[in-house]
Amino acid sequence: MRHRNNIFEQETYRGTGIKAMSAVQLTVIILSAISVIAAVYIVANFNEITARMAIFAANILTSGMPLIVAAIAGIYLVIRIKWKWRTRFWR
């Protein structure tokens, strides 16, 4: 960028008529291509992907992970509330 704090200015400093790609344009093109390929793969293999997601969710639910996460969240909230009560008392 020629001028500081100008994020919309082009990154290339070549004259007019010369086509040059900036790093941002190249990144956008590459990520767009990856997104299109991923979308085509998901559409083509939709049943397989949804089956894998269902098996993963069933394994997580049967492993007891939600109970562990809920217990940790509950302990965190109780400690946080008690800490707020303690700090309010001294103010």
Protein backbone atom coordinates (compact mmCIF):
# COMPACT_ATOMS: atom_id res chain seq x y z
CA MET A 1 0.00 0.00 0.00
CA ARG A 2 1.35 3.36 -0.93
CA HIS A 3 -0.63 5.25 1.69
CA ARG A 4 -0.81 4.05 5.25
CA ASN A 5 -4.11 2.80 6.68
CA ASN A 6 -5.73 2.49 3.25
CA ILE A 7 -6.84 -1.15 3.08
CA PHE A 8 -8.82 -0.72 -0.14
CA GLU A 9 -5.92 0.41 -2.29
CA GLN A 10 -4.55 -2.09 -4.78
CA GLU A 11 -1.41 -3.93 -3.78
CA THR A 12 0.24 -3.78 -7.18
CA TYR A 13 2.16 -0.68 -8.24
CA ARG A 14 2.50 -1.45 -11.94
CA GLY A 15 1.15 0.90 -14.52
CA THR A 16 -2.17 0.54 -16.29
CA GLY A 17 -2.47 -2.12 -18.94
CA ILE A 18 -0.27 -4.64 -17.14
CA LYS A 19 -2.36 -7.37 -15.54
CA ALA A 20 -0.92 -8.45 -12.21
CA MET A 21 -2.49 -10.52 -9.46
CA SER A 22 -2.18 -9.48 -5.88
CA ALA A 23 -1.76 -11.96 -3.06
CA VAL A 24 -5.32 -11.31 -1.92
CA GLN A 25 -6.76 -12.12 -5.35
CA LEU A 26 -4.68 -15.29 -5.59
CA THR A 27 -5.82 -16.40 -2.13
CA VAL A 28 -9.47 -15.75 -2.99
CA ILE A 29 -9.19 -17.79 -6.19
CA ILE A 30 -7.50 -20.73 -4.44
CA LEU A 31 -9.97 -20.79 -1.54
CA SER A 32 -12.92 -20.50 -3.94
CA ALA A 33 -11.64 -23.48 -5.92
CA ILE A 34 -11.25 -25.53 -2.73
CA SER A 35 -14.79 -24.58 -1.66
CA VAL A 36 -16.25 -25.64 -5.01
CA ILE A 37 -14.40 -28.97 -4.89
CA ALA A 38 -15.61 -29.59 -1.32
CA ALA A 39 -19.20 -28.72 -2.24
CA VAL A 40 -19.15 -31.12 -5.20
CA TYR A 41 -17.69 -33.88 -2.99
CA ILE A 42 -20.37 -33.35 -0.34
CA VAL A 43 -23.19 -33.41 -2.89
CA ALA A 44 -21.77 -36.51 -4.60
CA ASN A 45 -21.26 -38.45 -1.35
CA PHE A 46 -24.11 -37.03 0.73
CA ASN A 47 -25.36 -40.36 2.13
CA GLU A 48 -21.89 -41.49 3.18
CA ILE A 49 -21.11 -38.16 4.86
CA THR A 50 -24.40 -38.03 6.77
CA ALA A 51 -23.90 -41.65 7.90
CA ARG A 52 -20.43 -40.81 9.22
CA MET A 53 -21.81 -37.75 11.04
CA ALA A 54 -24.58 -39.85 12.63
CA ILE A 55 -22.12 -42.50 13.79
CA PHE A 56 -19.82 -39.82 15.22
CA ALA A 57 -22.71 -38.16 17.09
CA ALA A 58 -23.91 -41.51 18.46
CA ASN A 59 -20.42 -42.38 19.67
CA ILE A 60 -20.05 -39.01 21.41
CA LEU A 61 -23.44 -39.30 23.10
CA THR A 62 -22.85 -42.85 24.31
CA SER A 63 -19.36 -42.13 25.58
CA GLY A 64 -20.56 -39.86 28.37
CA MET A 65 -18.84 -36.79 26.95
CA PRO A 66 -21.94 -34.56 27.30
CA LEU A 67 -22.12 -35.37 31.02
CA ILE A 68 -18.47 -34.46 31.50
CA VAL A 69 -18.90 -31.19 29.58
CA ALA A 70 -22.07 -30.34 31.54
CA ALA A 71 -20.34 -31.07 34.84
CA ILE A 72 -17.35 -28.89 33.96
CA ALA A 73 -19.65 -26.07 32.80
CA GLY A 74 -21.69 -26.31 36.01
CA ILE A 75 -18.60 -26.20 38.22
CA TYR A 76 -17.27 -23.23 36.26
CA LEU A 77 -20.54 -21.30 36.63
CA VAL A 78 -20.76 -21.99 40.37
CA ILE A 79 -17.17 -20.84 40.94
CA ARG A 80 -17.74 -17.74 38.82
CA ILE A 81 -20.93 -16.77 40.69
CA LYS A 82 -19.27 -17.29 44.07
CA TRP A 83 -16.30 -15.17 43.00
CA LYS A 84 -18.64 -12.34 41.93
CA TRP A 85 -20.43 -12.46 45.28
CA ARG A 86 -17.12 -12.31 47.13
CA THR A 87 -15.81 -9.33 45.15
CA ARG A 88 -19.10 -7.41 45.53
CA PHE A 89 -18.99 -7.79 49.31
CA TRP A 90 -15.70 -5.91 49.62
CA ARG A 91 -16.64 -3.03 47.30
